[in-house]
Amino acid sequence: MSEEVEIWINQSVAILIDGNNIELSLRSLTGQQNAYLDFDSVIPKLLGERGLSRLIYFREGRSISDKLAHRLLNHFHGSVFPCHKSADIPLTIKATQIAKKVDTIIILSGDSDYVELVRHLKGEGVRVEIAAIAANTARILREEADLFTPLDEDDAYFLKSHKTKK
């Protein structure tokens, strides 16, 4: 009879989020324009027992919510990175910059543009995981990743609209 051995996992993880991709996918899935990523449930689900080293939310456009930036900083020591156009290039650059500093990089996006990045990072010895809405995730991206975690409606929160009285 073997004894159960407790294993301590000491793995550092960076989570890089293609905000526009994830927001559009959540809105497509739920049919609601006010659907956003629920960080409080998604981040612990993705990390498991591993430690969070970095969390960066890449977002196209200038009008990025200060509330989002403060929330990510206060809850996860994360940051928001505004992008001139799509997040693909800034996210890719950041991933290659931090690849030697973490054990795992989790990319929240289903965009096939990240396939070459996944291959490169794995070639550098980094574990690469993808988390996204399954229906909006390129099959090749899922196949190239070390792990694919599907996100669903439970991973969204819905911003309540504030209607003003007339």
N, C-alpha and C. Protein backbone atom coordinates (compact mmCIF):
# COMPACT_ATOMS: atom_id res chain seq x y z
N MET A 1 0.84 -1.17 0.00
CA MET A 1 0.00 0.00 0.00
C MET A 1 0.89 1.24 0.00
N SER A 2 0.66 2.10 -0.95
CA SER A 2 1.50 3.29 -1.04
C SER A 2 0.86 4.46 -0.29
N GLU A 3 1.74 5.28 0.26
CA GLU A 3 1.26 6.47 0.97
C GLU A 3 1.07 7.60 -0.02
N GLU A 4 0.08 8.42 0.24
CA GLU A 4 -0.14 9.57 -0.62
C GLU A 4 0.88 10.65 -0.26
N VAL A 5 1.57 11.13 -1.26
CA VAL A 5 2.61 12.14 -1.06
C VAL A 5 2.08 13.49 -1.52
N GLU A 6 2.28 14.49 -0.67
CA GLU A 6 1.87 15.84 -1.04
C GLU A 6 2.99 16.50 -1.82
N ILE A 7 2.63 17.06 -2.96
CA ILE A 7 3.62 17.72 -3.82
C ILE A 7 3.34 19.21 -3.83
N TRP A 8 4.37 19.97 -3.56
CA TRP A 8 4.26 21.42 -3.58
C TRP A 8 4.65 21.91 -4.96
N ILE A 9 3.77 22.65 -5.61
CA ILE A 9 4.03 23.17 -6.96
C ILE A 9 4.53 24.59 -6.84
N ASN A 10 5.74 24.81 -7.31
CA ASN A 10 6.35 26.13 -7.26
C ASN A 10 6.56 26.58 -8.71
N GLN A 11 5.50 27.07 -9.30
CA GLN A 11 5.56 27.46 -10.70
C GLN A 11 5.05 28.89 -10.84
N SER A 12 5.80 29.73 -11.53
CA SER A 12 5.38 31.12 -11.74
C SER A 12 4.66 31.23 -13.08
N VAL A 13 3.57 31.98 -13.05
CA VAL A 13 2.70 32.08 -14.22
C VAL A 13 2.49 33.55 -14.58
N ALA A 14 2.53 33.83 -15.88
CA ALA A 14 2.14 35.13 -16.41
C ALA A 14 0.85 34.92 -17.19
N ILE A 15 -0.11 35.80 -16.97
CA ILE A 15 -1.36 35.75 -17.71
C ILE A 15 -1.42 36.99 -18.60
N LEU A 16 -1.51 36.76 -19.90
CA LEU A 16 -1.58 37.84 -20.88
C LEU A 16 -2.93 37.76 -21.56
N ILE A 17 -3.68 38.85 -21.51
CA ILE A 17 -5.06 38.85 -21.98
C ILE A 17 -5.22 39.76 -23.18
N ASP A 18 -5.71 39.20 -24.28
CA ASP A 18 -6.10 39.98 -25.45
C ASP A 18 -7.53 40.44 -25.16
N GLY A 19 -7.64 41.59 -24.54
CA GLY A 19 -8.93 42.07 -24.04
C GLY A 19 -10.01 42.16 -25.10
N ASN A 20 -9.68 42.71 -26.26
CA ASN A 20 -10.68 42.85 -27.31
C ASN A 20 -11.19 41.49 -27.77
N ASN A 21 -10.29 40.52 -27.94
CA ASN A 21 -10.66 39.19 -28.39
C ASN A 21 -11.59 38.52 -27.39
N ILE A 22 -11.22 38.57 -26.11
CA ILE A 22 -12.02 37.92 -25.08
C ILE A 22 -13.37 38.61 -24.91
N GLU A 23 -13.39 39.95 -24.93
CA GLU A 23 -14.65 40.67 -24.78
C GLU A 23 -15.60 40.36 -25.93
N LEU A 24 -15.09 40.38 -27.16
CA LEU A 24 -15.93 40.08 -28.32
C LEU A 24 -16.45 38.64 -28.25
N SER A 25 -15.60 37.72 -27.83
CA SER A 25 -16.01 36.32 -27.73
C SER A 25 -17.09 36.13 -26.66
N LEU A 26 -16.93 36.78 -25.52
CA LEU A 26 -17.94 36.69 -24.46
C LEU A 26 -19.27 37.28 -24.91
N ARG A 27 -19.20 38.40 -25.63
CA ARG A 27 -20.43 39.03 -26.12
C ARG A 27 -21.10 38.17 -27.17
N SER A 28 -20.31 37.52 -28.00
CA SER A 28 -20.86 36.62 -29.01
C SER A 28 -21.51 35.41 -28.33
N LEU A 29 -20.86 34.88 -27.32
CA LEU A 29 -21.38 33.71 -26.60
C LEU A 29 -22.68 34.03 -25.87
N THR A 30 -22.70 35.16 -25.18
CA THR A 30 -23.85 35.48 -24.32
C THR A 30 -24.94 36.27 -25.05
N GLY A 31 -24.58 36.89 -26.17
CA GLY A 31 -25.54 37.74 -26.87
C GLY A 31 -25.78 39.05 -26.16
N GLN A 32 -24.91 39.40 -25.22
CA GLN A 32 -25.08 40.64 -24.46
C GLN A 32 -23.86 41.54 -24.59
N GLN A 33 -24.10 42.78 -24.92
CA GLN A 33 -23.01 43.74 -25.12
C GLN A 33 -22.34 44.17 -23.82
N ASN A 34 -22.95 43.88 -22.69
CA ASN A 34 -22.39 44.29 -21.40
C ASN A 34 -21.63 43.16 -20.70
N ALA A 35 -21.20 42.13 -21.47
CA ALA A 35 -20.48 40.99 -20.90
C ALA A 35 -18.97 41.28 -20.84
N TYR A 36 -18.40 41.03 -19.69
CA TYR A 36 -16.96 41.24 -19.47
C TYR A 36 -16.39 40.04 -18.74
N LEU A 37 -15.08 39.89 -18.78
CA LEU A 37 -14.40 38.80 -18.11
C LEU A 37 -14.49 38.97 -16.59
N ASP A 38 -14.89 37.92 -15.89
CA ASP A 38 -14.97 37.94 -14.44
C ASP A 38 -13.62 37.48 -13.89
N PHE A 39 -12.75 38.41 -13.64
CA PHE A 39 -11.39 38.11 -13.19
C PHE A 39 -11.38 37.33 -11.88
N ASP A 40 -12.31 37.65 -10.98
CA ASP A 40 -12.33 37.00 -9.66
C ASP A 40 -12.55 35.50 -9.74
N SER A 41 -13.23 35.02 -10.77
CA SER A 41 -13.40 33.58 -10.91
C SER A 41 -12.41 32.97 -11.90
N VAL A 42 -12.09 33.69 -12.96
CA VAL A 42 -11.22 33.15 -14.01
C VAL A 42 -9.77 32.99 -13.56
N ILE A 43 -9.22 34.00 -12.92
CA ILE A 43 -7.79 33.96 -12.55
C ILE A 43 -7.50 32.79 -11.60
N PRO A 44 -8.23 32.61 -10.51
CA PRO A 44 -7.97 31.44 -9.65
C PRO A 44 -8.16 30.12 -10.39
N LYS A 45 -9.16 30.04 -11.25
CA LYS A 45 -9.41 28.82 -12.02
C LYS A 45 -8.21 28.49 -12.92
N LEU A 46 -7.61 29.49 -13.53
CA LEU A 46 -6.47 29.25 -14.42
C LEU A 46 -5.19 28.94 -13.65
N LEU A 47 -5.02 29.57 -12.51
CA LEU A 47 -3.78 29.39 -11.74
C LEU A 47 -3.72 28.06 -11.00
N GLY A 48 -4.84 27.62 -10.47
CA GLY A 48 -4.80 26.44 -9.61
C GLY A 48 -3.95 26.76 -8.39
N GLU A 49 -2.94 25.94 -8.13
CA GLU A 49 -2.06 26.14 -6.97
C GLU A 49 -0.78 26.88 -7.33
N ARG A 50 -0.71 27.41 -8.54
CA ARG A 50 0.51 28.10 -8.99
C ARG A 50 0.47 29.58 -8.61
N GLY A 51 1.65 30.20 -8.63
CA GLY A 51 1.76 31.60 -8.27
C GLY A 51 1.66 32.52 -9.48
N LEU A 52 0.98 33.64 -9.30
CA LEU A 52 0.84 34.63 -10.37
C LEU A 52 2.02 35.59 -10.33
N SER A 53 2.79 35.62 -11.39
CA SER A 53 3.93 36.51 -11.49
C SER A 53 3.57 37.82 -12.18
N ARG A 54 2.78 37.73 -13.26
CA ARG A 54 2.38 38.91 -14.01
C ARG A 54 0.96 38.72 -14.55
N LEU A 55 0.22 39.81 -14.62
CA LEU A 55 -1.07 39.82 -15.29
C LEU A 55 -1.15 41.11 -16.09
N ILE A 56 -1.28 40.98 -17.40
CA ILE A 56 -1.35 42.16 -18.25
C ILE A 56 -2.55 42.03 -19.18
N TYR A 57 -3.36 43.06 -19.17
CA TYR A 57 -4.57 43.12 -19.98
C TYR A 57 -4.30 44.08 -21.14
N PHE A 58 -4.20 43.54 -22.34
CA PHE A 58 -3.94 44.35 -23.53
C PHE A 58 -5.28 44.77 -24.12
N ARG A 59 -5.44 46.06 -24.39
CA ARG A 59 -6.73 46.56 -24.86
C ARG A 59 -6.51 47.60 -25.94
N GLU A 60 -7.16 47.37 -27.09
CA GLU A 60 -7.10 48.33 -28.19
C GLU A 60 -7.93 49.55 -27.84
N GLY A 61 -7.42 50.72 -28.20
CA GLY A 61 -8.17 51.96 -28.00
C GLY A 61 -7.64 52.79 -26.86
N ARG A 62 -8.05 54.03 -26.88
CA ARG A 62 -7.59 54.97 -25.85
C ARG A 62 -8.47 54.98 -24.62
N SER A 63 -9.76 54.71 -24.80
CA SER A 63 -10.70 54.81 -23.68
C SER A 63 -10.74 53.51 -22.90
N ILE A 64 -9.78 53.35 -22.01
CA ILE A 64 -9.72 52.17 -21.16
C ILE A 64 -10.18 52.59 -19.77
N SER A 65 -11.06 51.81 -19.22
CA SER A 65 -11.65 52.12 -17.93
C SER A 65 -10.59 52.23 -16.83
N ASP A 66 -10.61 53.35 -16.11
CA ASP A 66 -9.73 53.50 -14.95
C ASP A 66 -10.10 52.48 -13.88
N LYS A 67 -11.39 52.16 -13.79
CA LYS A 67 -11.84 51.16 -12.81
C LYS A 67 -11.19 49.81 -13.07
N LEU A 68 -11.10 49.43 -14.35
CA LEU A 68 -10.47 48.15 -14.71
C LEU A 68 -9.00 48.18 -14.30
N ALA A 69 -8.30 49.24 -14.65
CA ALA A 69 -6.88 49.35 -14.31
C ALA A 69 -6.67 49.27 -12.80
N HIS A 70 -7.49 49.99 -12.02
CA HIS A 70 -7.36 49.97 -10.56
C HIS A 70 -7.68 48.59 -9.99
N ARG A 71 -8.72 47.97 -10.54
CA ARG A 71 -9.12 46.65 -10.06
C ARG A 71 -8.01 45.62 -10.29
N LEU A 72 -7.44 45.62 -11.49
CA LEU A 72 -6.37 44.66 -11.79
C LEU A 72 -5.15 44.91 -10.91
N LEU A 73 -4.83 46.18 -10.69
CA LEU A 73 -3.68 46.52 -9.86
C LEU A 73 -3.93 46.10 -8.41
N ASN A 74 -5.08 46.46 -7.87
CA ASN A 74 -5.38 46.20 -6.46
C ASN A 74 -5.59 44.73 -6.14
N HIS A 75 -6.19 43.97 -7.06
CA HIS A 75 -6.50 42.57 -6.78
C HIS A 75 -5.43 41.59 -7.25
N PHE A 76 -4.71 41.94 -8.31
CA PHE A 76 -3.77 40.98 -8.92
C PHE A 76 -2.39 41.58 -9.21
N HIS A 77 -2.13 42.80 -8.79
CA HIS A 77 -0.91 43.51 -9.14
C HIS A 77 -0.72 43.51 -10.66
N GLY A 78 -1.84 43.57 -11.35
CA GLY A 78 -1.84 43.54 -12.81
C GLY A 78 -1.85 44.93 -13.40
N SER A 79 -1.76 44.98 -14.72
CA SER A 79 -1.76 46.26 -15.40
C SER A 79 -2.53 46.17 -16.71
N VAL A 80 -2.93 47.33 -17.19
CA VAL A 80 -3.60 47.44 -18.47
C VAL A 80 -2.64 48.09 -19.44
N PHE A 81 -2.52 47.50 -20.62
CA PHE A 81 -1.60 48.00 -21.64
C PHE A 81 -2.43 48.44 -22.85
N PRO A 82 -2.57 49.75 -23.06
CA PRO A 82 -3.32 50.22 -24.22
C PRO A 82 -2.55 49.96 -25.51
N CYS A 83 -3.26 49.50 -26.54
CA CYS A 83 -2.64 49.18 -27.82
C CYS A 83 -3.15 50.13 -28.90
N HIS A 84 -2.27 50.52 -29.80
CA HIS A 84 -2.65 51.41 -30.89
C HIS A 84 -3.67 50.75 -31.81
N LYS A 85 -3.39 49.53 -32.19
CA LYS A 85 -4.35 48.76 -33.00
C LYS A 85 -4.65 47.48 -32.25
N SER A 86 -4.47 46.33 -32.85
CA SER A 86 -4.78 45.09 -32.14
C SER A 86 -3.70 44.77 -31.11
N ALA A 87 -4.02 43.84 -30.22
CA ALA A 87 -3.10 43.46 -29.15
C ALA A 87 -2.04 42.47 -29.61
N ASP A 88 -2.18 41.90 -30.80
CA ASP A 88 -1.30 40.82 -31.25
C ASP A 88 0.18 41.13 -31.09
N ILE A 89 0.63 42.24 -31.62
CA ILE A 89 2.07 42.55 -31.59
C ILE A 89 2.53 42.91 -30.18
N PRO A 90 1.86 43.84 -29.47
CA PRO A 90 2.32 44.14 -28.10
C PRO A 90 2.31 42.92 -27.18
N LEU A 91 1.29 42.08 -27.27
CA LEU A 91 1.22 40.88 -26.44
C LEU A 91 2.37 39.93 -26.78
N THR A 92 2.64 39.77 -28.06
CA THR A 92 3.73 38.89 -28.50
C THR A 92 5.08 39.39 -28.01
N ILE A 93 5.30 40.69 -28.12
CA ILE A 93 6.58 41.27 -27.65
C ILE A 93 6.73 41.04 -26.15
N LYS A 94 5.69 41.34 -25.39
CA LYS A 94 5.76 41.18 -23.93
C LYS A 94 5.98 39.72 -23.55
N ALA A 95 5.31 38.81 -24.25
CA ALA A 95 5.47 37.37 -23.95
C ALA A 95 6.92 36.94 -24.16
N THR A 96 7.54 37.40 -25.24
CA THR A 96 8.93 37.01 -25.49
C THR A 96 9.87 37.68 -24.48
N GLN A 97 9.53 38.87 -24.02
CA GLN A 97 10.37 39.55 -23.02
C GLN A 97 10.35 38.85 -21.67
N ILE A 98 9.21 38.31 -21.28
CA ILE A 98 9.10 37.70 -19.95
C ILE A 98 9.27 36.18 -19.96
N ALA A 99 9.47 35.61 -21.12
CA ALA A 99 9.55 34.15 -21.24
C ALA A 99 10.62 33.53 -20.33
N LYS A 100 11.73 34.19 -20.14
CA LYS A 100 12.81 33.64 -19.29
C LYS A 100 12.55 33.85 -17.80
N LYS A 101 11.48 34.60 -17.47
CA LYS A 101 11.21 34.94 -16.08
C LYS A 101 10.08 34.14 -15.45
N VAL A 102 9.37 33.36 -16.29
CA VAL A 102 8.23 32.59 -15.78
C VAL A 102 8.29 31.16 -16.31
N ASP A 103 7.56 30.28 -15.64
CA ASP A 103 7.50 28.88 -16.07
C ASP A 103 6.39 28.65 -17.09
N THR A 104 5.29 29.39 -16.92
CA THR A 104 4.12 29.21 -17.77
C THR A 104 3.57 30.56 -18.19
N ILE A 105 3.13 30.64 -19.43
CA ILE A 105 2.40 31.82 -19.91
C ILE A 105 1.03 31.35 -20.35
N ILE A 106 0.01 31.99 -19.79
CA ILE A 106 -1.37 31.70 -20.18
C ILE A 106 -1.85 32.87 -21.02
N ILE A 107 -2.26 32.57 -22.24
CA ILE A 107 -2.76 33.60 -23.15
C ILE A 107 -4.27 33.46 -23.23
N LEU A 108 -4.98 34.53 -22.92
CA LEU A 108 -6.43 34.54 -23.06
C LEU A 108 -6.77 35.14 -24.41
N SER A 109 -6.94 34.27 -25.37
CA SER A 109 -7.33 34.64 -26.73
C SER A 109 -7.50 33.37 -27.54
N GLY A 110 -8.39 33.41 -28.49
CA GLY A 110 -8.57 32.28 -29.39
C GLY A 110 -8.04 32.56 -30.77
N ASP A 111 -7.33 33.67 -30.92
CA ASP A 111 -6.85 34.17 -32.21
C ASP A 111 -5.70 33.31 -32.75
N SER A 112 -5.84 32.81 -33.96
CA SER A 112 -4.80 31.98 -34.58
C SER A 112 -3.52 32.76 -34.84
N ASP A 113 -3.56 34.08 -34.75
CA ASP A 113 -2.34 34.88 -34.92
C ASP A 113 -1.29 34.55 -33.86
N TYR A 114 -1.69 33.91 -32.77
CA TYR A 114 -0.75 33.59 -31.70
C TYR A 114 -0.09 32.22 -31.86
N VAL A 115 -0.38 31.50 -32.91
CA VAL A 115 0.19 30.16 -33.11
C VAL A 115 1.71 30.20 -33.13
N GLU A 116 2.30 31.10 -33.90
CA GLU A 116 3.76 31.18 -33.98
C GLU A 116 4.37 31.59 -32.65
N LEU A 117 3.69 32.44 -31.90
CA LEU A 117 4.16 32.81 -30.56
C LEU A 117 4.17 31.59 -29.66
N VAL A 118 3.10 30.81 -29.68
CA VAL A 118 3.03 29.60 -28.86
C VAL A 118 4.18 28.66 -29.21
N ARG A 119 4.42 28.45 -30.48
CA ARG A 119 5.52 27.58 -30.91
C ARG A 119 6.86 28.12 -30.44
N HIS A 120 7.06 29.43 -30.56
CA HIS A 120 8.33 30.04 -30.13
C HIS A 120 8.53 29.86 -28.62
N LEU A 121 7.51 30.18 -27.85
CA LEU A 121 7.63 30.09 -26.39
C LEU A 121 7.90 28.66 -25.94
N LYS A 122 7.22 27.70 -26.54
CA LYS A 122 7.46 26.30 -26.21
C LYS A 122 8.89 25.90 -26.57
N GLY A 123 9.40 26.42 -27.67
CA GLY A 123 10.79 26.17 -28.07
C GLY A 123 11.78 26.74 -27.07
N GLU A 124 11.36 27.77 -26.35
CA GLU A 124 12.20 28.38 -25.30
C GLU A 124 12.05 27.67 -23.96
N GLY A 125 11.22 26.64 -23.92
CA GLY A 125 11.04 25.88 -22.69
C GLY A 125 9.94 26.38 -21.79
N VAL A 126 9.09 27.25 -22.30
CA VAL A 126 7.99 27.79 -21.51
C VAL A 126 6.73 26.96 -21.77
N ARG A 127 6.02 26.63 -20.72
CA ARG A 127 4.72 25.97 -20.87
C ARG A 127 3.74 27.05 -21.32
N VAL A 128 2.92 26.74 -22.34
CA VAL A 128 1.98 27.73 -22.86
C VAL A 128 0.57 27.16 -22.80
N GLU A 129 -0.30 27.89 -22.15
CA GLU A 129 -1.69 27.51 -22.04
C GLU A 129 -2.55 28.57 -22.72
N ILE A 130 -3.65 28.13 -23.28
CA ILE A 130 -4.61 29.03 -23.91
C ILE A 130 -5.93 28.90 -23.15
N ALA A 131 -6.57 30.03 -22.88
CA ALA A 131 -7.90 30.04 -22.29
C ALA A 131 -8.76 30.97 -23.13
N ALA A 132 -9.88 30.46 -23.61
CA ALA A 132 -10.75 31.26 -24.47
C ALA A 132 -12.09 30.55 -24.64
N ILE A 133 -13.00 31.24 -25.29
CA ILE A 133 -14.29 30.65 -25.64
C ILE A 133 -14.04 29.62 -26.73
N ALA A 134 -14.41 28.38 -26.50
CA ALA A 134 -14.09 27.29 -27.43
C ALA A 134 -14.57 27.57 -28.86
N ALA A 135 -15.78 28.07 -28.99
CA ALA A 135 -16.35 28.31 -30.33
C ALA A 135 -15.58 29.38 -31.11
N ASN A 136 -14.86 30.24 -30.39
CA ASN A 136 -14.11 31.32 -31.03
C ASN A 136 -12.61 31.08 -30.98
N THR A 137 -12.20 29.86 -30.77
CA THR A 137 -10.77 29.54 -30.68
C THR A 137 -10.34 28.70 -31.87
N ALA A 138 -9.29 29.14 -32.54
CA ALA A 138 -8.76 28.41 -33.68
C ALA A 138 -8.29 27.03 -33.24
N ARG A 139 -8.67 26.00 -33.99
CA ARG A 139 -8.30 24.63 -33.65
C ARG A 139 -6.78 24.47 -33.56
N ILE A 140 -6.05 25.08 -34.48
CA ILE A 140 -4.59 24.96 -34.47
C ILE A 140 -3.98 25.56 -33.21
N LEU A 141 -4.59 26.61 -32.69
CA LEU A 141 -4.09 27.22 -31.46
C LEU A 141 -4.28 26.26 -30.28
N ARG A 142 -5.44 25.62 -30.21
CA ARG A 142 -5.70 24.64 -29.16
C ARG A 142 -4.72 23.47 -29.24
N GLU A 143 -4.45 23.02 -30.47
CA GLU A 143 -3.55 21.89 -30.68
C GLU A 143 -2.11 22.22 -30.31
N GLU A 144 -1.67 23.43 -30.55
CA GLU A 144 -0.29 23.83 -30.27
C GLU A 144 -0.04 24.07 -28.78
N ALA A 145 -1.07 24.46 -28.06
CA ALA A 145 -0.92 24.78 -26.63
C ALA A 145 -0.69 23.52 -25.80
N ASP A 146 -0.02 23.69 -24.67
CA ASP A 146 0.16 22.59 -23.73
C ASP A 146 -1.16 22.25 -23.04
N LEU A 147 -2.02 23.26 -22.90
CA LEU A 147 -3.32 23.05 -22.27
C LEU A 147 -4.28 24.09 -22.81
N PHE A 148 -5.50 23.67 -23.08
CA PHE A 148 -6.57 24.59 -23.47
C PHE A 148 -7.64 24.55 -22.40
N THR A 149 -7.99 25.72 -21.86
CA THR A 149 -9.05 25.83 -20.87
C THR A 149 -10.20 26.61 -21.50
N PRO A 150 -11.33 25.95 -21.71
CA PRO A 150 -12.47 26.67 -22.30
C PRO A 150 -13.11 27.60 -21.27
N LEU A 151 -13.42 28.80 -21.71
CA LEU A 151 -14.16 29.75 -20.89
C LEU A 151 -15.61 29.69 -21.34
N ASP A 152 -16.53 29.94 -20.42
CA ASP A 152 -17.94 29.90 -20.79
C ASP A 152 -18.69 31.05 -20.12
N GLU A 153 -20.01 30.99 -20.19
CA GLU A 153 -20.84 32.07 -19.68
C GLU A 153 -20.62 32.32 -18.19
N ASP A 154 -20.24 31.28 -17.45
CA ASP A 154 -19.97 31.44 -16.02
C ASP A 154 -18.72 32.29 -15.76
N ASP A 155 -17.91 32.50 -16.78
CA ASP A 155 -16.68 33.28 -16.64
C ASP A 155 -16.89 34.75 -17.00
N ALA A 156 -18.15 35.13 -17.19
CA ALA A 156 -18.49 36.51 -17.53
C ALA A 156 -19.25 37.16 -16.38
N TYR A 157 -19.11 38.46 -16.29
CA TYR A 157 -20.03 39.22 -15.44
C TYR A 157 -20.67 40.25 -16.35
N PHE A 158 -21.82 40.71 -15.95
CA PHE A 158 -22.59 41.61 -16.79
C PHE A 158 -22.71 42.96 -16.11
N LEU A 159 -22.17 43.96 -16.76
CA LEU A 159 -22.20 45.33 -16.24
C LEU A 159 -23.63 45.83 -16.28
N LYS A 160 -24.10 46.31 -15.15
CA LYS A 160 -25.46 46.84 -15.10
C LYS A 160 -25.46 48.24 -15.67
N SER A 161 -26.44 48.53 -16.49
CA SER A 161 -26.53 49.89 -17.05
C SER A 161 -27.24 50.78 -16.05
N HIS A 162 -26.79 52.00 -15.99
CA HIS A 162 -27.39 53.00 -15.09
C HIS A 162 -28.25 53.94 -15.93
N LYS A 163 -29.55 53.77 -15.80
CA LYS A 163 -30.46 54.63 -16.56
C LYS A 163 -30.80 55.85 -15.71
N THR A 164 -30.75 56.99 -16.35
CA THR A 164 -31.07 58.21 -15.64
C THR A 164 -32.58 58.46 -15.76
N LYS A 165 -33.14 58.99 -14.69
CA LYS A 165 -34.57 59.29 -14.68
C LYS A 165 -34.79 60.63 -15.34
N LYS A 166 -35.90 60.70 -16.08
CA LYS A 166 -36.24 61.97 -16.74
C LYS A 166 -37.20 62.75 -15.90
